[in-house]
Amino acid sequence: MGVSIGLGAFLGIQMDAYFEKDLLFTIIFSLLAVFAALYQIIKEVTRLNK
């Protein structure tokens, strides 16, 4: 979970630097990474509960 969020933040920072935006892509990619990580956790927990 931490790796995917860190990767999303890193990718956002790199895209912000490339497109010269102020935290736009960092916020977007960080949130996407958080939602993806939560989805994976929920999916795994429901699979284990079956």
Protein backbone atom coordinates (compact mmCIF):
# COMPACT_ATOMS: atom_id res chain seq x y z
CA MET A 1 0.00 0.00 0.00
CA GLY A 2 2.73 2.44 0.95
CA VAL A 3 4.74 1.67 -2.15
CA SER A 4 1.83 2.34 -4.49
CA ILE A 5 0.98 5.62 -2.75
CA GLY A 6 4.63 6.66 -2.83
CA LEU A 7 4.86 5.76 -6.50
CA GLY A 8 1.70 7.76 -7.25
CA ALA A 9 3.08 10.79 -5.41
CA PHE A 10 6.44 10.46 -7.17
CA LEU A 11 4.75 10.23 -10.56
CA GLY A 12 2.62 13.26 -9.73
CA ILE A 13 5.65 15.30 -8.67
CA GLN A 14 7.46 14.39 -11.88
CA MET A 15 4.44 15.33 -14.01
CA ASP A 16 4.02 18.61 -12.11
CA ALA A 17 7.63 19.47 -12.86
CA TYR A 18 7.28 18.50 -16.53
CA PHE A 19 4.04 20.41 -17.13
CA GLU A 20 4.98 23.24 -14.71
CA LYS A 21 1.85 22.85 -12.58
CA ASP A 22 1.64 23.49 -8.85
CA LEU A 23 0.67 20.22 -7.08
CA LEU A 24 -2.14 19.41 -9.53
CA PHE A 25 -0.81 16.07 -10.71
CA THR A 26 0.66 15.24 -7.30
CA ILE A 27 -2.77 15.44 -5.71
CA ILE A 28 -4.48 13.57 -8.54
CA PHE A 29 -2.01 10.68 -8.70
CA SER A 30 -1.73 10.44 -4.91
CA LEU A 31 -5.50 10.15 -4.55
CA LEU A 32 -5.70 7.62 -7.37
CA ALA A 33 -3.00 5.55 -5.69
CA VAL A 34 -4.83 5.69 -2.33
CA PHE A 35 -8.10 4.58 -3.93
CA ALA A 36 -6.35 1.79 -5.84
CA ALA A 37 -4.65 0.57 -2.65
CA LEU A 38 -7.92 0.65 -0.70
CA TYR A 39 -9.66 -1.22 -3.50
CA GLN A 40 -7.01 -3.93 -3.40
CA ILE A 41 -7.31 -4.23 0.40
CA ILE A 42 -11.11 -4.46 0.28
CA LYS A 43 -10.92 -7.01 -2.54
CA GLU A 44 -8.44 -9.14 -0.57
CA VAL A 45 -10.44 -8.96 2.68
CA THR A 46 -13.66 -10.00 0.97
CA ARG A 47 -11.82 -12.86 -0.72
CA LEU A 48 -10.44 -14.04 2.62
CA ASN A 49 -13.88 -13.88 4.26
CA LYS A 50 -15.41 -16.32 1.79
